Amino acid sequence: MIYGIGIDIVELERIKNIIVEKPAMIQKILTKKELEKFDTLSEKRKVEYLAGRFSCKEAFSKAYGTGLGKLGLRDIEILSGESGKPVVTQSPFEGKVHVSISHTDQLATAQIILEK
């Protein structure tokens, strides 16, 4: 049974500005493991990665029904599975979490489906 569905979209330019102007925000968005991956990426991929993770966490909070006010960005962790598919590895939800992240040159979007 579907518990919740969430979707979010973010402009890459906004995320690029965060990386350049407010780099301390990166550690407020990413978990330790996500940050380790982020640090290995090229500058372009860093923007896409951070945008995708931020969008995914926002989508999760919508599907969970709390928004980000009651749920912290680092309460949710999205890593890559063996095939490269994004996988939610940490969250407060007790059930199955389906995630999809996509990028264009200007946008990143994510969708979450929570299933019990």
Protein backbone atom coordinates (compact mmCIF):
# COMPACT_ATOMS: atom_id res chain seq x y z
CA MET A 1 0.00 0.00 0.00
CA ILE A 2 1.29 3.45 -0.90
CA TYR A 3 1.87 5.61 2.16
CA GLY A 4 2.94 8.77 0.35
CA ILE A 5 4.27 10.28 -2.87
CA GLY A 6 6.54 13.29 -3.11
CA ILE A 7 8.16 15.16 -5.96
CA ASP A 8 10.53 18.12 -6.08
CA ILE A 9 12.46 20.13 -8.64
CA VAL A 10 15.41 22.48 -8.11
CA GLU A 11 17.38 24.81 -10.39
CA LEU A 12 21.03 23.84 -10.73
CA GLU A 13 22.07 27.50 -10.75
CA ARG A 14 20.63 27.88 -7.24
CA ILE A 15 22.67 24.91 -6.02
CA LYS A 16 25.80 26.16 -7.78
CA ASN A 17 25.42 29.46 -5.92
CA ILE A 18 25.12 27.59 -2.61
CA ILE A 19 28.35 25.69 -3.33
CA VAL A 20 30.22 28.91 -4.21
CA GLU A 21 28.69 31.41 -1.77
CA LYS A 22 27.61 29.25 1.19
CA PRO A 23 29.77 26.10 1.19
CA ALA A 24 28.92 25.41 4.85
CA MET A 25 25.39 24.55 3.65
CA ILE A 26 26.75 21.45 1.94
CA GLN A 27 27.40 19.81 5.32
CA LYS A 28 23.86 20.69 6.42
CA ILE A 29 22.41 18.93 3.38
CA LEU A 30 24.60 15.84 2.98
CA THR A 31 25.30 13.01 5.40
CA LYS A 32 28.88 11.93 6.03
CA LYS A 33 28.70 9.14 3.42
CA GLU A 34 27.05 11.42 0.86
CA LEU A 35 29.73 14.04 1.50
CA GLU A 36 32.47 11.46 0.92
CA LYS A 37 31.02 10.74 -2.53
CA PHE A 38 30.48 14.47 -3.23
CA ASP A 39 34.17 15.20 -2.56
CA THR A 40 35.25 12.76 -5.33
CA LEU A 41 33.19 14.44 -8.08
CA SER A 42 34.05 17.04 -10.72
CA GLU A 43 32.68 20.55 -10.22
CA LYS A 44 29.80 19.98 -12.67
CA ARG A 45 28.87 16.64 -11.08
CA LYS A 46 29.03 18.20 -7.59
CA VAL A 47 26.28 20.62 -8.59
CA GLU A 48 24.15 17.82 -10.09
CA TYR A 49 24.76 15.51 -7.13
CA LEU A 50 23.93 18.10 -4.48
CA ALA A 51 20.87 19.26 -6.41
CA GLY A 52 19.64 15.70 -6.83
CA ARG A 53 20.14 14.85 -3.15
CA PHE A 54 18.50 18.09 -1.99
CA SER A 55 15.53 17.54 -4.32
CA CYS A 56 15.22 13.94 -3.17
CA LYS A 57 15.21 14.89 0.50
CA GLU A 58 12.58 17.56 -0.15
CA ALA A 59 10.45 15.01 -2.06
CA PHE A 60 10.87 12.54 0.81
CA SER A 61 9.65 15.07 3.35
CA LYS A 62 6.55 15.70 1.21
CA ALA A 63 5.83 11.98 0.85
CA TYR A 64 6.40 11.47 4.58
CA GLY A 65 3.95 14.29 5.31
CA THR A 66 6.10 16.46 7.54
CA GLY A 67 7.97 18.80 5.25
CA LEU A 68 11.54 19.73 6.11
CA GLY A 69 10.56 21.68 9.21
CA LYS A 70 10.16 18.54 11.32
CA LEU A 71 12.54 16.39 9.32
CA GLY A 72 16.20 17.29 8.94
CA LEU A 73 18.01 17.02 5.62
CA ARG A 74 20.61 14.70 7.16
CA ASP A 75 17.89 12.42 8.54
CA ILE A 76 17.67 11.07 4.98
CA GLU A 77 20.58 9.49 3.12
CA ILE A 78 20.61 8.60 -0.57
CA LEU A 79 23.55 6.58 -1.84
CA SER A 80 24.06 4.63 -5.05
CA GLY A 81 23.37 0.92 -5.26
CA GLU A 82 25.65 -1.51 -7.10
CA SER A 83 24.10 -0.63 -10.47
CA GLY A 84 24.28 3.12 -9.77
CA LYS A 85 20.59 3.40 -8.94
CA PRO A 86 19.86 5.85 -6.09
CA VAL A 87 18.87 4.08 -2.89
CA VAL A 88 17.55 5.61 0.34
CA THR A 89 19.83 4.04 2.94
CA GLN A 90 18.69 6.06 5.97
CA SER A 91 15.34 7.59 6.86
CA PRO A 92 12.74 7.62 9.63
CA PHE A 93 10.27 5.71 7.43
CA GLU A 94 9.67 2.05 8.25
CA GLY A 95 8.76 0.56 4.91
CA LYS A 96 9.95 0.41 1.33
CA VAL A 97 11.23 3.61 -0.28
CA HIS A 98 11.30 4.01 -4.06
CA VAL A 99 13.40 6.88 -5.44
CA SER A 100 14.14 8.37 -8.83
CA ILE A 101 16.43 11.33 -9.57
CA SER A 102 16.87 13.05 -12.93
CA HIS A 103 18.85 16.02 -14.29
CA THR A 104 18.84 18.38 -17.25
CA ASP A 105 21.33 21.17 -17.89
CA GLN A 106 19.25 23.53 -15.72
CA LEU A 107 17.18 21.36 -13.36
CA ALA A 108 17.28 18.38 -11.03
CA THR A 109 14.14 16.56 -10.02
CA ALA A 110 13.36 13.69 -7.68
CA GLN A 111 10.37 11.54 -6.90
CA ILE A 112 9.81 9.41 -3.81
CA ILE A 113 7.18 6.75 -3.22
CA LEU A 114 6.81 5.40 0.31
CA GLU A 115 5.23 1.96 0.54
CA LYS A 116 4.06 -0.01 3.57
